Protein backbone atom coordinates (compact mmCIF):
# COMPACT_ATOMS: atom_id res chain seq x y z
CA MET A 1 0.00 0.00 0.00
CA SER A 2 1.39 3.41 -0.99
CA LEU A 3 2.05 6.23 1.44
CA PHE A 4 -0.71 8.20 -0.29
CA ALA A 5 -3.22 5.44 0.44
CA ILE A 6 -2.15 5.34 4.10
CA PHE A 7 -2.47 9.13 4.25
CA PHE A 8 -6.01 9.00 2.88
CA PHE A 9 -7.03 6.37 5.46
CA ILE A 10 -5.57 8.45 8.31
CA PHE A 11 -7.17 11.61 6.95
CA GLY A 12 -10.50 9.79 6.67
CA ALA A 13 -10.21 8.57 10.27
CA ILE A 14 -9.58 12.14 11.43
CA ILE A 15 -12.66 13.28 9.51
CA GLY A 16 -14.55 10.42 11.17
CA SER A 17 -13.52 11.77 14.57
CA PHE A 18 -14.99 15.14 13.59
CA LEU A 19 -18.16 13.42 12.36
CA ASN A 20 -18.57 11.89 15.82
CA VAL A 21 -18.54 15.40 17.24
CA VAL A 22 -21.17 16.49 14.71
CA ILE A 23 -23.36 13.46 15.50
CA LEU A 24 -23.18 13.98 19.26
CA ARG A 25 -23.52 17.78 19.29
CA TYR A 26 -26.06 18.28 16.51
CA GLY A 27 -29.19 19.88 17.88
CA THR A 28 -27.69 20.40 21.35
CA GLY A 29 -26.66 24.03 20.86
CA PHE A 30 -22.95 23.22 21.21
CA SER A 31 -20.54 24.22 18.46
CA PHE A 32 -18.98 21.57 16.20
CA VAL A 33 -15.66 23.39 15.97
CA SER A 34 -15.17 25.00 19.37
CA GLY A 35 -15.35 23.84 22.94
CA HIS A 36 -13.31 21.16 24.65
CA SER A 37 -14.21 17.50 24.39
CA LYS A 38 -15.05 15.89 27.71
CA CYS A 39 -16.18 12.58 29.13
CA PHE A 40 -19.96 12.27 29.19
CA SER A 41 -19.81 10.42 32.51
CA CYS A 42 -17.37 12.42 34.65
CA SER A 43 -17.20 15.64 32.54
CA HIS A 44 -13.40 15.61 32.72
CA LYS A 45 -11.75 17.58 29.92
CA LEU A 46 -10.04 15.18 27.52
CA ALA A 47 -6.40 15.67 26.56
CA TRP A 48 -5.24 15.52 22.94
CA TYR A 49 -3.82 12.02 23.48
CA ASP A 50 -7.31 10.85 24.53
CA LEU A 51 -8.66 11.89 21.14
CA VAL A 52 -6.34 10.18 18.66
CA PRO A 53 -8.68 8.45 16.16
CA ILE A 54 -8.95 4.66 16.65
CA PHE A 55 -5.72 4.32 18.65
CA SER A 56 -6.94 6.13 21.79
CA PHE A 57 -9.89 3.75 22.03
CA ILE A 58 -7.54 0.75 21.70
CA PHE A 59 -4.94 2.00 24.18
CA LEU A 60 -7.62 3.00 26.70
CA ARG A 61 -9.32 -0.39 26.19
CA GLY A 62 -12.61 1.31 25.55
CA LYS A 63 -12.73 3.09 28.92
CA CYS A 64 -12.36 6.67 30.10
CA ARG A 65 -8.85 7.34 31.44
CA TYR A 66 -10.25 9.35 34.36
CA CYS A 67 -13.37 7.57 35.59
CA GLY A 68 -13.23 4.16 33.92
CA SER A 69 -16.65 4.42 32.28
CA LYS A 70 -17.11 2.63 28.97
CA ILE A 71 -16.57 4.55 25.75
CA SER A 72 -19.15 3.97 23.03
CA TYR A 73 -18.04 1.74 20.15
CA GLN A 74 -19.53 4.39 17.89
CA TYR A 75 -16.29 6.39 18.11
CA PRO A 76 -13.85 3.85 16.62
CA LEU A 77 -16.46 2.39 14.23
CA VAL A 78 -17.24 5.76 12.63
CA GLU A 79 -13.52 6.55 12.42
CA ILE A 80 -12.68 3.18 10.83
CA ILE A 81 -15.58 3.35 8.36
CA SER A 82 -14.67 6.92 7.42
CA GLY A 83 -11.04 5.91 6.94
CA LEU A 84 -12.02 2.97 4.74
CA VAL A 85 -14.36 5.14 2.68
CA PHE A 86 -11.60 7.70 2.04
CA LEU A 87 -9.16 4.90 1.21
CA SER A 88 -11.64 3.39 -1.26
CA LEU A 89 -12.38 6.78 -2.82
CA TYR A 90 -8.63 7.28 -3.28
CA PHE A 91 -8.41 4.19 -5.49
CA TRP A 92 -11.85 4.49 -7.15
CA VAL A 93 -12.01 8.24 -7.77
CA PHE A 94 -9.08 10.43 -6.70
CA LEU A 95 -6.53 8.84 -9.02
CA PHE A 96 -8.78 9.57 -12.01
CA ASN A 97 -10.82 12.65 -11.07
CA PRO A 98 -9.79 14.67 -7.99
CA ILE A 99 -12.73 17.06 -8.37
CA ALA A 100 -15.22 14.19 -8.26
CA PHE A 101 -13.37 12.91 -5.20
CA VAL A 102 -14.09 16.16 -3.36
CA PHE A 103 -17.82 15.94 -4.12
CA ASP A 104 -18.06 12.25 -3.24
CA ALA A 105 -16.01 12.57 -0.04
CA ILE A 106 -18.28 15.36 1.21
CA VAL A 107 -21.37 13.34 0.31
CA PHE A 108 -20.23 10.19 2.09
CA CYS A 109 -19.25 12.18 5.18
CA LEU A 110 -22.76 13.63 5.28
CA LEU A 111 -24.34 10.22 4.68
CA LEU A 112 -22.29 8.57 7.41
CA ALA A 113 -23.31 11.26 9.91
CA ILE A 114 -26.97 10.95 8.84
CA ALA A 115 -26.93 7.16 9.15
CA VAL A 116 -25.48 7.14 12.67
CA TYR A 117 -27.68 10.02 13.84
CA ASP A 118 -30.81 8.32 12.51
CA PHE A 119 -29.75 5.05 14.13
CA ARG A 120 -29.33 6.80 17.49
CA HIS A 121 -32.34 9.13 17.43
CA LYS A 122 -34.64 7.71 14.72
CA ILE A 123 -34.76 11.06 12.93
CA ILE A 124 -32.84 12.51 10.00
CA PRO A 125 -31.39 15.97 10.82
CA ASP A 126 -32.59 18.61 8.36
CA GLY A 127 -29.30 20.49 8.28
CA LEU A 128 -27.34 17.45 7.16
CA VAL A 129 -29.86 16.11 4.65
CA TYR A 130 -30.40 19.54 3.04
CA THR A 131 -26.64 19.94 2.69
CA PHE A 132 -26.49 16.49 1.10
CA ILE A 133 -29.26 17.44 -1.34
CA GLY A 134 -27.48 20.67 -2.26
CA VAL A 135 -24.09 19.04 -2.84
CA SER A 136 -25.70 16.27 -4.92
CA LEU A 137 -27.53 18.79 -7.11
CA VAL A 138 -24.38 20.85 -7.64
CA LYS A 139 -22.50 17.69 -8.60
CA VAL A 140 -25.04 16.52 -11.19
CA LEU A 141 -25.17 20.02 -12.71
CA TYR A 142 -21.39 20.43 -12.67
CA PHE A 143 -20.60 17.13 -14.34
CA THR A 144 -23.57 17.27 -16.71
CA GLY A 145 -23.01 20.79 -17.91
CA PHE A 146 -25.94 23.15 -18.23
CA SER A 147 -25.92 22.81 -22.03
CA HIS A 148 -26.61 19.06 -21.78
CA ILE A 149 -29.34 19.08 -19.13
CA LEU A 150 -32.13 18.51 -21.64
CA SER A 151 -30.31 15.76 -23.52
CA TYR A 152 -30.65 12.04 -22.80
CA PRO A 153 -29.59 10.50 -20.42
CA PHE A 154 -28.74 13.63 -18.44
CA TYR A 155 -32.32 14.84 -18.03
CA LEU A 156 -33.19 11.40 -16.70
CA ASP A 157 -30.55 11.74 -13.95
CA LEU A 158 -31.85 15.22 -13.15
CA LEU A 159 -35.42 13.95 -12.81
CA THR A 160 -34.44 10.92 -10.72
CA GLY A 161 -34.23 12.89 -7.49
CA PRO A 162 -37.77 14.31 -7.68
CA ILE A 163 -39.12 10.93 -8.85
CA LEU A 164 -37.66 9.12 -5.85
CA PHE A 165 -38.79 11.90 -3.53
CA LEU A 166 -42.36 11.57 -4.86
CA PHE A 167 -42.27 7.79 -4.41
CA PHE A 168 -41.19 8.05 -0.77
CA TYR A 169 -43.53 10.97 -0.16
CA ILE A 170 -46.50 8.87 -1.29
CA LEU A 171 -45.44 6.04 1.04
CA TRP A 172 -45.11 8.53 3.89
CA ALA A 173 -48.45 10.22 3.18
CA VAL A 174 -50.46 7.01 2.66
CA SER A 175 -49.08 5.40 5.83
CA ARG A 176 -49.15 8.68 7.80
CA GLY A 177 -45.52 8.13 8.69
CA ARG A 178 -45.87 4.52 9.85
CA TRP A 179 -44.04 2.93 6.92
CA ILE A 180 -41.49 5.57 6.14
CA GLY A 181 -40.43 8.95 7.46
CA PHE A 182 -40.57 12.25 5.59
CA GLY A 183 -36.84 12.55 6.19
CA ASP A 184 -36.35 9.41 4.10
CA ALA A 185 -38.13 11.16 1.20
CA LYS A 186 -35.72 14.07 1.45
CA LEU A 187 -32.80 11.66 1.63
CA ALA A 188 -34.07 9.87 -1.51
CA LEU A 189 -34.10 13.21 -3.36
CA GLY A 190 -30.37 13.60 -2.77
CA VAL A 191 -29.68 9.95 -3.56
CA GLY A 192 -31.36 10.31 -6.96
CA TRP A 193 -29.20 13.29 -7.91
CA PHE A 194 -25.99 11.84 -6.46
CA MET A 195 -26.26 8.37 -7.97
CA GLY A 196 -28.15 9.00 -11.20
CA PHE A 197 -31.10 7.00 -12.52
CA TYR A 198 -29.76 3.46 -12.87
CA ALA A 199 -27.60 3.36 -9.75
CA SER A 200 -30.13 5.07 -7.48
CA ILE A 201 -32.99 2.75 -8.49
CA SER A 202 -30.76 -0.25 -7.81
CA ALA A 203 -29.70 1.23 -4.46
CA ILE A 204 -33.30 1.85 -3.38
CA ILE A 205 -34.34 -1.70 -4.32
CA LEU A 206 -31.37 -3.05 -2.37
CA SER A 207 -32.26 -0.90 0.64
CA PHE A 208 -35.74 -2.41 0.86
CA TRP A 209 -34.30 -5.92 0.63
CA LEU A 210 -31.67 -5.22 3.29
CA GLY A 211 -34.23 -3.51 5.52
CA ALA A 212 -36.60 -6.48 5.33
CA ILE A 213 -33.91 -9.14 5.82
CA ILE A 214 -32.08 -7.42 8.68
CA SER A 215 -35.32 -6.44 10.44
CA LEU A 216 -36.54 -10.05 10.35
CA ILE A 217 -33.21 -11.22 11.72
CA LEU A 218 -33.41 -8.68 14.56
CA VAL A 219 -36.97 -9.72 15.38
CA ALA A 220 -35.87 -13.37 15.49
CA LEU A 221 -32.90 -12.53 17.73
CA GLY A 222 -35.22 -10.53 19.99
CA LYS A 223 -37.55 -13.51 20.40
CA LEU A 224 -34.55 -15.65 21.33
CA ASN A 225 -33.51 -13.03 23.91
CA PHE A 226 -30.20 -12.38 22.17
CA LEU A 227 -30.83 -8.63 22.18
CA PRO A 228 -31.06 -6.31 25.22
CA LYS A 229 -34.23 -4.79 23.77
CA LYS A 230 -36.88 -7.05 22.30
CA LEU A 231 -38.00 -6.06 18.82
CA THR A 232 -41.29 -6.91 17.14
CA ILE A 233 -42.74 -6.40 13.67
CA LYS A 234 -44.31 -3.15 14.95
CA SER A 235 -41.04 -1.80 16.35
CA GLU A 236 -39.75 1.40 14.78
CA VAL A 237 -36.58 0.72 12.80
CA PRO A 238 -34.72 3.65 11.17
CA PHE A 239 -34.59 3.20 7.39
CA ALA A 240 -31.94 5.78 6.47
CA PRO A 241 -29.02 3.48 7.46
CA PHE A 242 -30.31 0.86 4.99
CA ILE A 243 -30.59 3.44 2.20
CA ILE A 244 -27.10 4.76 2.91
CA LEU A 245 -25.56 1.29 3.17
CA SER A 246 -27.16 0.43 -0.16
CA VAL A 247 -25.79 3.62 -1.73
CA LEU A 248 -22.32 2.69 -0.50
CA VAL A 249 -22.61 -0.85 -1.90
CA GLU A 250 -24.05 0.34 -5.22
CA TYR A 251 -21.39 3.04 -5.56
CA PHE A 252 -18.50 0.58 -5.32
CA VAL A 253 -20.07 -2.63 -6.68
CA HIS A 254 -22.40 -1.29 -9.40
CA PHE A 255 -25.38 -3.63 -9.26
CA ASP A 256 -27.88 -3.28 -12.10
CA PHE A 257 -31.10 -4.82 -10.84
CA PHE A 258 -33.46 -6.08 -13.55
CA SER A 259 -30.94 -4.94 -16.21
CA LEU A 260 -32.34 -1.40 -16.14
CA LYS A 261 -29.82 -0.09 -18.65
CA SER A 262 -31.12 -2.47 -21.29
CA LEU A 263 -34.65 -1.11 -20.81
CA PHE A 264 -33.84 2.56 -21.48
């Protein structure tokens, strides 16, 4: 592995550490860029060597240096995932198109923060999802070129966002929020613009499959008392993580469900 690849992983892990701050402070009134980090249990101010991405968690054995309380696994997991995403983007995108790398790195940072926040609070934060929508729209316009917007297949990619939003909006309206959240509709709008027609449709199909399979597995584990909290079919399960996981898989694997490209 080249030094550049190692650098991108480390840089991604550092970004992941910042994303943890965003996830934990969003909506609390605390700044993302100022204020000292502290232990949530004992409120002790953390030193710089307590905040080294991934390694601090390992060296501290997952416990606060000052009070011994457990540190959430969210911290190293987000840092590792962010590092791996940046490493993958280095090989998949940066070596061929650095400008596209900037767009895609920003998008995946936003999606990772949205996924974890929705998993924790069962709500998609407006600030993050609107930023994701904006970046995705700018990307599709930038790489399409305004002179080609009305030409095929570019207009199809431009319409994909609103089409997916309408689909999720109908599900939300018909079920009165029981099947899907309105935040998922806004997320789908950005996914359509970011991924384009073929990839976004495949990602959405995959997200429903993953959501159904994983939810059934969790319900089964709950009945067997393998989970601390018992889940049932009526339990509320955040859907954004499934959409975002599917986007990540589709982005790097390129599934084409039902051979969509051959139909259009």
